[in-house]
Amino acid sequence: MYFDALVAVAGSAYFIVADKTVLATARKNSFKGHTNIEANF
């Protein structure tokens, strides 16, 4: 019972970290895309 709760907490913490990493990467890529579009024009 206690172990299940621990796994659930660790799993959700991992997903939060992964989600933030993905969002940060996507944000960097979209900034790159915007600067490329502006440079082309």
N, C-alpha and C. Protein backbone atom coordinates (compact mmCIF):
# COMPACT_ATOMS: atom_id res chain seq x y z
N MET A 1 0.84 -1.20 0.00
CA MET A 1 0.00 0.00 0.00
C MET A 1 0.88 1.25 0.00
N TYR A 2 1.84 1.29 0.92
CA TYR A 2 2.73 2.46 1.01
C TYR A 2 3.58 2.58 -0.26
N PHE A 3 4.04 1.43 -0.76
CA PHE A 3 4.89 1.44 -1.96
C PHE A 3 4.12 1.97 -3.16
N ASP A 4 2.85 1.59 -3.29
CA ASP A 4 2.03 2.08 -4.40
C ASP A 4 1.93 3.61 -4.37
N ALA A 5 1.75 4.17 -3.19
CA ALA A 5 1.65 5.62 -3.06
C ALA A 5 2.98 6.27 -3.47
N LEU A 6 4.08 5.65 -3.07
CA LEU A 6 5.41 6.17 -3.41
C LEU A 6 5.61 6.16 -4.92
N VAL A 7 5.21 5.08 -5.56
CA VAL A 7 5.36 4.96 -7.02
C VAL A 7 4.49 6.02 -7.71
N ALA A 8 3.29 6.24 -7.20
CA ALA A 8 2.39 7.23 -7.80
C ALA A 8 2.99 8.63 -7.70
N VAL A 9 3.55 8.96 -6.55
CA VAL A 9 4.15 10.29 -6.36
C VAL A 9 5.37 10.45 -7.26
N ALA A 10 6.23 9.42 -7.29
CA ALA A 10 7.43 9.49 -8.12
C ALA A 10 7.05 9.59 -9.60
N GLY A 11 6.02 8.84 -10.00
CA GLY A 11 5.59 8.87 -11.39
C GLY A 11 5.06 10.23 -11.79
N SER A 12 4.24 10.84 -10.94
CA SER A 12 3.69 12.15 -11.28
C SER A 12 4.78 13.21 -11.28
N ALA A 13 5.74 13.10 -10.37
CA ALA A 13 6.86 14.05 -10.35
C ALA A 13 7.66 13.94 -11.64
N TYR A 14 7.89 12.71 -12.09
CA TYR A 14 8.64 12.49 -13.33
C TYR A 14 7.90 13.10 -14.51
N PHE A 15 6.58 12.90 -14.57
CA PHE A 15 5.81 13.44 -15.68
C PHE A 15 5.84 14.96 -15.68
N ILE A 16 5.79 15.58 -14.48
CA ILE A 16 5.83 17.05 -14.39
C ILE A 16 7.16 17.56 -14.95
N VAL A 17 8.25 16.90 -14.53
CA VAL A 17 9.58 17.32 -15.01
C VAL A 17 9.69 17.13 -16.52
N ALA A 18 9.23 15.97 -17.01
CA ALA A 18 9.30 15.70 -18.45
C ALA A 18 8.46 16.72 -19.22
N ASP A 19 7.29 17.05 -18.68
CA ASP A 19 6.39 18.01 -19.33
C ASP A 19 7.06 19.37 -19.43
N LYS A 20 7.69 19.82 -18.33
CA LYS A 20 8.37 21.13 -18.34
C LYS A 20 9.51 21.12 -19.35
N THR A 21 10.25 20.00 -19.42
CA THR A 21 11.36 19.90 -20.37
C THR A 21 10.85 20.00 -21.80
N VAL A 22 9.77 19.28 -22.09
CA VAL A 22 9.19 19.30 -23.44
C VAL A 22 8.71 20.70 -23.79
N LEU A 23 8.04 21.35 -22.83
CA LEU A 23 7.54 22.71 -23.08
C LEU A 23 8.69 23.67 -23.33
N ALA A 24 9.75 23.57 -22.53
CA ALA A 24 10.90 24.46 -22.70
C ALA A 24 11.54 24.24 -24.07
N THR A 25 11.66 22.98 -24.47
CA THR A 25 12.25 22.66 -25.78
C THR A 25 11.37 23.21 -26.90
N ALA A 26 10.07 23.00 -26.79
CA ALA A 26 9.15 23.49 -27.81
C ALA A 26 9.21 25.01 -27.90
N ARG A 27 9.32 25.67 -26.76
CA ARG A 27 9.37 27.13 -26.74
C ARG A 27 10.65 27.60 -27.44
N LYS A 28 11.78 26.93 -27.16
CA LYS A 28 13.04 27.29 -27.82
C LYS A 28 12.91 27.12 -29.32
N ASN A 29 12.31 26.01 -29.74
CA ASN A 29 12.16 25.74 -31.18
C ASN A 29 11.26 26.77 -31.84
N SER A 30 10.19 27.16 -31.16
CA SER A 30 9.28 28.13 -31.76
C SER A 30 9.96 29.50 -31.85
N PHE A 31 10.80 29.83 -30.86
CA PHE A 31 11.54 31.09 -30.94
C PHE A 31 12.50 31.04 -32.13
N LYS A 32 13.18 29.91 -32.30
CA LYS A 32 14.08 29.76 -33.44
C LYS A 32 13.31 29.94 -34.74
N GLY A 33 12.12 29.33 -34.81
CA GLY A 33 11.31 29.43 -36.01
C GLY A 33 10.92 30.87 -36.29
N HIS A 34 10.55 31.62 -35.27
CA HIS A 34 10.15 33.02 -35.45
C HIS A 34 11.34 33.85 -35.93
N THR A 35 12.50 33.66 -35.33
CA THR A 35 13.65 34.46 -35.74
C THR A 35 14.04 34.12 -37.17
N ASN A 36 13.92 32.84 -37.58
CA ASN A 36 14.23 32.48 -38.95
C ASN A 36 13.28 33.14 -39.93
N ILE A 37 11.99 33.17 -39.58
CA ILE A 37 10.99 33.79 -40.46
C ILE A 37 11.29 35.29 -40.58
N GLU A 38 11.60 35.94 -39.47
CA GLU A 38 11.90 37.37 -39.51
C GLU A 38 13.16 37.63 -40.32
N ALA A 39 14.16 36.76 -40.19
CA ALA A 39 15.41 36.93 -40.93
C ALA A 39 15.18 36.77 -42.43
N ASN A 40 14.28 35.83 -42.79
CA ASN A 40 14.01 35.62 -44.20
C ASN A 40 13.34 36.84 -44.83
N PHE A 41 12.45 37.48 -44.11
CA PHE A 41 11.80 38.67 -44.63
C PHE A 41 12.71 39.87 -44.49
